[in-house]
Amino acid sequence: MQSKVLHLGDYCKNGKHRDVPIRPKDFDYIKGIKELVDNGRVCPIREESLNSAVRCHLKKLRLSDKYQKTTVHAIRKLYA
């Protein structure tokens, strides 16, 4: 069995490159995504876009005072 690895660039956490092993059963799926996006990103959003959206919705719901430091990372940690 040949080892398959997905190489991720410096856009990962802490600006570090990553090599992520791909299970043989997932290889065709990942390859299909890569072909769809060509050399683009799978999620072509700016780094702060998601956090901005969360803050915007909290403000609309009048929860921004209660959850002042809520970001996607904080929400994930609260869930875990």
N, C-alpha and C. Protein backbone atom coordinates (compact mmCIF):
# COMPACT_ATOMS: atom_id res chain seq x y z
N MET A 1 0.85 -1.20 0.00
CA MET A 1 0.00 0.00 0.00
C MET A 1 0.89 1.25 0.00
N GLN A 2 0.62 2.16 -0.93
CA GLN A 2 1.39 3.40 -1.00
C GLN A 2 0.78 4.45 -0.07
N SER A 3 1.64 5.13 0.68
CA SER A 3 1.17 6.14 1.62
C SER A 3 0.76 7.40 0.88
N LYS A 4 -0.39 7.95 1.21
CA LYS A 4 -0.89 9.18 0.60
C LYS A 4 -0.88 10.27 1.65
N VAL A 5 -0.39 11.45 1.27
CA VAL A 5 -0.28 12.56 2.20
C VAL A 5 -0.81 13.82 1.54
N LEU A 6 -1.57 14.60 2.29
CA LEU A 6 -2.07 15.89 1.83
C LEU A 6 -1.15 16.96 2.40
N HIS A 7 -0.54 17.76 1.53
CA HIS A 7 0.37 18.82 1.96
C HIS A 7 -0.41 20.13 2.10
N LEU A 8 -0.40 20.71 3.29
CA LEU A 8 -1.09 21.97 3.55
C LEU A 8 -0.05 23.06 3.75
N GLY A 9 -0.32 24.25 3.23
CA GLY A 9 0.65 25.34 3.25
C GLY A 9 0.70 26.11 4.54
N ASP A 10 1.34 27.27 4.48
CA ASP A 10 1.56 28.10 5.67
C ASP A 10 0.30 28.84 6.12
N TYR A 11 -0.84 28.55 5.50
CA TYR A 11 -2.11 29.14 5.92
C TYR A 11 -2.71 28.36 7.09
N CYS A 12 -2.04 27.30 7.50
CA CYS A 12 -2.51 26.50 8.65
C CYS A 12 -2.22 27.22 9.95
N LYS A 13 -2.69 26.64 11.03
CA LYS A 13 -2.50 27.19 12.37
C LYS A 13 -1.03 27.50 12.63
N ASN A 14 -0.78 28.66 13.20
CA ASN A 14 0.55 29.15 13.53
C ASN A 14 1.45 29.33 12.32
N GLY A 15 0.88 29.39 11.12
CA GLY A 15 1.66 29.61 9.91
C GLY A 15 2.59 28.47 9.56
N LYS A 16 2.28 27.27 10.03
CA LYS A 16 3.15 26.12 9.78
C LYS A 16 2.57 25.22 8.71
N HIS A 17 3.44 24.67 7.89
CA HIS A 17 3.03 23.67 6.90
C HIS A 17 2.64 22.39 7.63
N ARG A 18 1.73 21.64 7.04
CA ARG A 18 1.30 20.38 7.64
C ARG A 18 1.29 19.29 6.57
N ASP A 19 1.60 18.09 6.96
CA ASP A 19 1.42 16.90 6.13
C ASP A 19 0.40 16.03 6.84
N VAL A 20 -0.74 15.84 6.20
CA VAL A 20 -1.84 15.09 6.80
C VAL A 20 -2.01 13.79 6.04
N PRO A 21 -1.89 12.65 6.72
CA PRO A 21 -2.09 11.37 6.02
C PRO A 21 -3.53 11.21 5.56
N ILE A 22 -3.70 10.62 4.40
CA ILE A 22 -5.03 10.37 3.85
C ILE A 22 -5.27 8.87 3.84
N ARG A 23 -6.40 8.48 4.41
CA ARG A 23 -6.76 7.06 4.38
C ARG A 23 -7.03 6.65 2.94
N PRO A 24 -6.63 5.45 2.56
CA PRO A 24 -6.84 4.99 1.18
C PRO A 24 -8.29 5.14 0.71
N LYS A 25 -9.26 4.89 1.61
CA LYS A 25 -10.66 4.99 1.20
C LYS A 25 -11.10 6.43 0.94
N ASP A 26 -10.36 7.43 1.45
CA ASP A 26 -10.71 8.84 1.26
C ASP A 26 -9.95 9.50 0.11
N PHE A 27 -8.99 8.81 -0.48
CA PHE A 27 -8.13 9.42 -1.49
C PHE A 27 -8.91 9.96 -2.69
N ASP A 28 -9.81 9.16 -3.25
CA ASP A 28 -10.57 9.61 -4.42
C ASP A 28 -11.44 10.83 -4.11
N TYR A 29 -12.00 10.87 -2.91
CA TYR A 29 -12.82 12.01 -2.49
C TYR A 29 -11.97 13.29 -2.43
N ILE A 30 -10.80 13.21 -1.78
CA ILE A 30 -9.91 14.37 -1.66
C ILE A 30 -9.40 14.78 -3.05
N LYS A 31 -9.07 13.82 -3.87
CA LYS A 31 -8.59 14.11 -5.23
C LYS A 31 -9.68 14.84 -6.02
N GLY A 32 -10.94 14.43 -5.85
CA GLY A 32 -12.06 15.09 -6.54
C GLY A 32 -12.22 16.53 -6.11
N ILE A 33 -12.07 16.80 -4.82
CA ILE A 33 -12.16 18.18 -4.32
C ILE A 33 -11.03 19.02 -4.93
N LYS A 34 -9.83 18.48 -4.94
CA LYS A 34 -8.68 19.20 -5.49
C LYS A 34 -8.91 19.55 -6.95
N GLU A 35 -9.48 18.62 -7.71
CA GLU A 35 -9.75 18.89 -9.12
C GLU A 35 -10.81 19.98 -9.29
N LEU A 36 -11.79 20.03 -8.39
CA LEU A 36 -12.84 21.05 -8.47
C LEU A 36 -12.30 22.45 -8.22
N VAL A 37 -11.40 22.59 -7.25
CA VAL A 37 -10.91 23.91 -6.88
C VAL A 37 -9.63 24.29 -7.61
N ASP A 38 -9.08 23.37 -8.40
CA ASP A 38 -7.83 23.58 -9.13
C ASP A 38 -6.74 23.99 -8.15
N ASN A 39 -6.22 25.19 -8.25
CA ASN A 39 -5.19 25.65 -7.31
C ASN A 39 -5.77 26.59 -6.27
N GLY A 40 -7.09 26.68 -6.21
CA GLY A 40 -7.73 27.57 -5.25
C GLY A 40 -7.91 26.88 -3.90
N ARG A 41 -8.54 27.60 -3.00
CA ARG A 41 -8.81 27.06 -1.67
C ARG A 41 -10.18 26.39 -1.64
N VAL A 42 -10.32 25.38 -0.82
CA VAL A 42 -11.61 24.69 -0.68
C VAL A 42 -12.62 25.64 -0.04
N CYS A 43 -12.21 26.40 0.94
CA CYS A 43 -13.05 27.41 1.59
C CYS A 43 -12.42 28.78 1.35
N PRO A 44 -12.77 29.41 0.23
CA PRO A 44 -12.11 30.68 -0.13
C PRO A 44 -12.65 31.88 0.64
N ILE A 45 -12.34 31.93 1.93
CA ILE A 45 -12.76 33.06 2.75
C ILE A 45 -11.55 33.68 3.41
N ARG A 46 -11.68 34.94 3.76
CA ARG A 46 -10.61 35.61 4.50
C ARG A 46 -10.53 35.02 5.90
N GLU A 47 -9.38 35.18 6.52
CA GLU A 47 -9.13 34.59 7.82
C GLU A 47 -10.16 35.00 8.87
N GLU A 48 -10.56 36.26 8.88
CA GLU A 48 -11.48 36.75 9.92
C GLU A 48 -12.94 36.76 9.50
N SER A 49 -13.25 36.30 8.30
CA SER A 49 -14.64 36.36 7.82
C SER A 49 -15.62 35.62 8.71
N LEU A 50 -15.27 34.43 9.12
CA LEU A 50 -16.19 33.64 9.93
C LEU A 50 -16.39 34.27 11.30
N ASN A 51 -15.30 34.74 11.91
CA ASN A 51 -15.44 35.40 13.21
C ASN A 51 -16.26 36.68 13.09
N SER A 52 -16.09 37.42 12.00
CA SER A 52 -16.89 38.63 11.78
C SER A 52 -18.37 38.30 11.67
N ALA A 53 -18.67 37.20 10.98
CA ALA A 53 -20.07 36.79 10.83
C ALA A 53 -20.66 36.40 12.18
N VAL A 54 -19.89 35.69 13.01
CA VAL A 54 -20.37 35.31 14.34
C VAL A 54 -20.66 36.56 15.17
N ARG A 55 -19.73 37.51 15.16
CA ARG A 55 -19.93 38.76 15.92
C ARG A 55 -21.16 39.52 15.43
N CYS A 56 -21.35 39.55 14.13
CA CYS A 56 -22.50 40.25 13.53
C CYS A 56 -23.81 39.63 14.01
N HIS A 57 -23.89 38.31 14.00
CA HIS A 57 -25.12 37.63 14.42
C HIS A 57 -25.36 37.78 15.93
N LEU A 58 -24.28 37.76 16.71
CA LEU A 58 -24.44 37.99 18.15
C LEU A 58 -24.99 39.39 18.42
N LYS A 59 -24.51 40.35 17.64
CA LYS A 59 -25.00 41.73 17.80
C LYS A 59 -26.49 41.82 17.44
N LYS A 60 -26.88 41.18 16.33
CA LYS A 60 -28.29 41.17 15.92
C LYS A 60 -29.18 40.53 16.98
N LEU A 61 -28.66 39.51 17.65
CA LEU A 61 -29.42 38.81 18.68
C LEU A 61 -29.30 39.47 20.06
N ARG A 62 -28.58 40.59 20.09
CA ARG A 62 -28.32 41.34 21.33
C ARG A 62 -27.62 40.48 22.39
N LEU A 63 -26.69 39.68 21.92
CA LEU A 63 -25.90 38.83 22.81
C LEU A 63 -24.43 39.23 22.84
N SER A 64 -24.07 40.27 22.13
CA SER A 64 -22.66 40.64 22.03
C SER A 64 -22.08 41.12 23.36
N ASP A 65 -22.90 41.70 24.23
CA ASP A 65 -22.40 42.10 25.55
C ASP A 65 -22.15 40.88 26.45
N LYS A 66 -23.01 39.89 26.31
CA LYS A 66 -22.89 38.68 27.14
C LYS A 66 -21.71 37.82 26.70
N TYR A 67 -21.45 37.76 25.38
CA TYR A 67 -20.37 36.93 24.82
C TYR A 67 -19.38 37.83 24.08
N GLN A 68 -18.62 38.61 24.81
CA GLN A 68 -17.72 39.58 24.20
C GLN A 68 -16.55 38.97 23.46
N LYS A 69 -16.01 37.90 23.96
CA LYS A 69 -14.81 37.32 23.35
C LYS A 69 -15.12 36.05 22.57
N THR A 70 -16.28 35.97 21.99
CA THR A 70 -16.68 34.77 21.28
C THR A 70 -16.15 34.79 19.85
N THR A 71 -15.35 33.79 19.55
CA THR A 71 -14.86 33.55 18.19
C THR A 71 -15.16 32.10 17.86
N VAL A 72 -14.90 31.72 16.65
CA VAL A 72 -15.14 30.34 16.26
C VAL A 72 -14.31 29.40 17.13
N HIS A 73 -13.09 29.79 17.42
CA HIS A 73 -12.22 28.96 18.26
C HIS A 73 -12.81 28.83 19.68
N ALA A 74 -13.29 29.92 20.23
CA ALA A 74 -13.88 29.87 21.57
C ALA A 74 -15.14 29.01 21.59
N ILE A 75 -15.95 29.10 20.55
CA ILE A 75 -17.17 28.29 20.47
C ILE A 75 -16.81 26.81 20.41
N ARG A 76 -15.80 26.47 19.64
CA ARG A 76 -15.37 25.08 19.54
C ARG A 76 -14.89 24.56 20.90
N LYS A 77 -14.12 25.40 21.61
CA LYS A 77 -13.62 24.99 22.92
C LYS A 77 -14.76 24.84 23.93
N LEU A 78 -15.75 25.72 23.88
CA LEU A 78 -16.89 25.60 24.78
C LEU A 78 -17.67 24.32 24.50
N TYR A 79 -17.81 23.96 23.22
CA TYR A 79 -18.53 22.76 22.85
C TYR A 79 -17.79 21.51 23.34
N ALA A 80 -16.46 21.51 23.17
CA ALA A 80 -15.66 20.34 23.56
C ALA A 80 -15.69 20.21 25.06
